[in-house]
């Protein structure tokens, strides 16, 4: 989930979040993916990590599951305590 959240989004809806990290160097990069699932909007509520979520029990080859890639992006510290 994104910072502990497992949002359920309908068409046109948006989920925004902000996160941070302790970095050992003044610059770096991140990339990865979000694991997504197509769910029934009538029967599925947003959740938090630790909640029971049926979609998390689906097998990896279930056609309702997919990944959303996040392209590589840079991280640069403005000073020793501020990485953006």
Protein backbone atom coordinates (compact mmCIF):
# COMPACT_ATOMS: atom_id res chain seq x y z
CA UNK A 1 0.00 0.00 0.00
CA UNK A 2 0.97 3.63 -0.32
CA UNK A 3 2.28 4.61 3.10
CA UNK A 4 0.13 1.97 4.80
CA UNK A 5 -3.04 2.73 2.83
CA UNK A 6 -4.90 0.42 0.48
CA UNK A 7 -7.24 2.86 -1.28
CA UNK A 8 -10.18 1.82 -3.43
CA UNK A 9 -10.59 4.33 -6.26
CA UNK A 10 -13.44 4.76 -8.67
CA UNK A 11 -13.18 6.32 -12.15
CA UNK A 12 -11.82 9.87 -11.90
CA UNK A 13 -10.94 9.57 -8.19
CA UNK A 14 -7.47 10.45 -6.91
CA UNK A 15 -5.35 9.28 -3.98
CA UNK A 16 -2.43 11.53 -3.04
CA UNK A 17 0.21 10.89 -0.43
CA UNK A 18 3.63 12.06 0.65
CA UNK A 19 6.42 9.91 2.02
CA UNK A 20 10.05 10.31 3.02
CA UNK A 21 13.15 8.35 3.80
CA UNK A 22 16.45 8.60 5.61
CA UNK A 23 19.15 8.68 2.94
CA UNK A 24 22.78 7.72 3.45
CA UNK A 25 23.92 9.87 0.51
CA UNK A 26 22.98 13.38 -0.71
CA UNK A 27 21.46 12.02 -3.94
CA UNK A 28 19.93 8.87 -5.28
CA UNK A 29 17.01 7.47 -7.22
CA UNK A 30 13.89 5.38 -6.73
CA UNK A 31 11.69 3.30 -9.01
CA UNK A 32 9.27 0.45 -8.66
CA UNK A 33 5.59 -0.32 -9.01
CA UNK A 34 2.25 -0.26 -7.27
CA UNK A 35 0.43 -3.58 -6.98
CA UNK A 36 -3.18 -3.00 -8.03
CA UNK A 37 -6.40 -5.04 -8.20
CA UNK A 38 -9.73 -4.59 -9.94
CA UNK A 39 -12.37 -4.95 -7.21
CA UNK A 40 -16.13 -4.67 -6.89
CA UNK A 41 -16.70 -1.07 -5.76
CA UNK A 42 -19.96 -2.04 -4.02
CA UNK A 43 -18.33 -4.70 -1.82
CA UNK A 44 -14.82 -3.32 -1.22
CA UNK A 45 -13.83 -0.47 1.09
CA UNK A 46 -10.49 1.27 1.39
CA UNK A 47 -8.28 -0.29 4.05
CA UNK A 48 -5.01 0.05 5.92
CA UNK A 49 -2.12 -2.39 6.13
CA UNK A 50 -3.12 -5.09 8.61
CA UNK A 51 -6.82 -5.04 7.66
CA UNK A 52 -8.34 -8.13 6.05
CA UNK A 53 -8.48 -7.52 2.28
CA UNK A 54 -9.77 -10.29 0.02
CA UNK A 55 -7.77 -9.06 -3.00
CA UNK A 56 -4.52 -9.68 -1.09
CA UNK A 57 -5.45 -13.38 -0.92
CA UNK A 58 -5.80 -13.73 -4.71
CA UNK A 59 -3.14 -15.76 -6.49
CA UNK A 60 -0.45 -13.83 -8.38
CA UNK A 61 -1.80 -15.02 -11.75
CA UNK A 62 -5.36 -13.77 -11.03
CA UNK A 63 -6.40 -11.56 -13.98
CA UNK A 64 -7.86 -8.98 -11.56
CA UNK A 65 -4.35 -8.17 -10.30
CA UNK A 66 -1.88 -5.93 -12.17
CA UNK A 67 1.15 -3.72 -11.57
CA UNK A 68 1.40 0.01 -12.24
CA UNK A 69 5.05 0.90 -12.95
CA UNK A 70 6.60 3.99 -11.36
CA UNK A 71 9.43 5.32 -13.50
CA UNK A 72 12.84 6.11 -12.06
CA UNK A 73 13.02 9.54 -10.39
CA UNK A 74 15.84 11.36 -8.66
CA UNK A 75 16.24 12.35 -5.03
CA UNK A 76 18.45 15.30 -4.09
CA UNK A 77 19.12 16.59 -0.57
CA UNK A 78 19.01 20.33 -0.07
CA UNK A 79 20.95 19.86 3.17
CA UNK A 80 21.83 16.97 5.50
CA UNK A 81 18.24 16.66 6.80
CA UNK A 82 16.07 17.50 3.78
CA UNK A 83 15.77 14.99 0.92
CA UNK A 84 13.11 15.73 -1.70
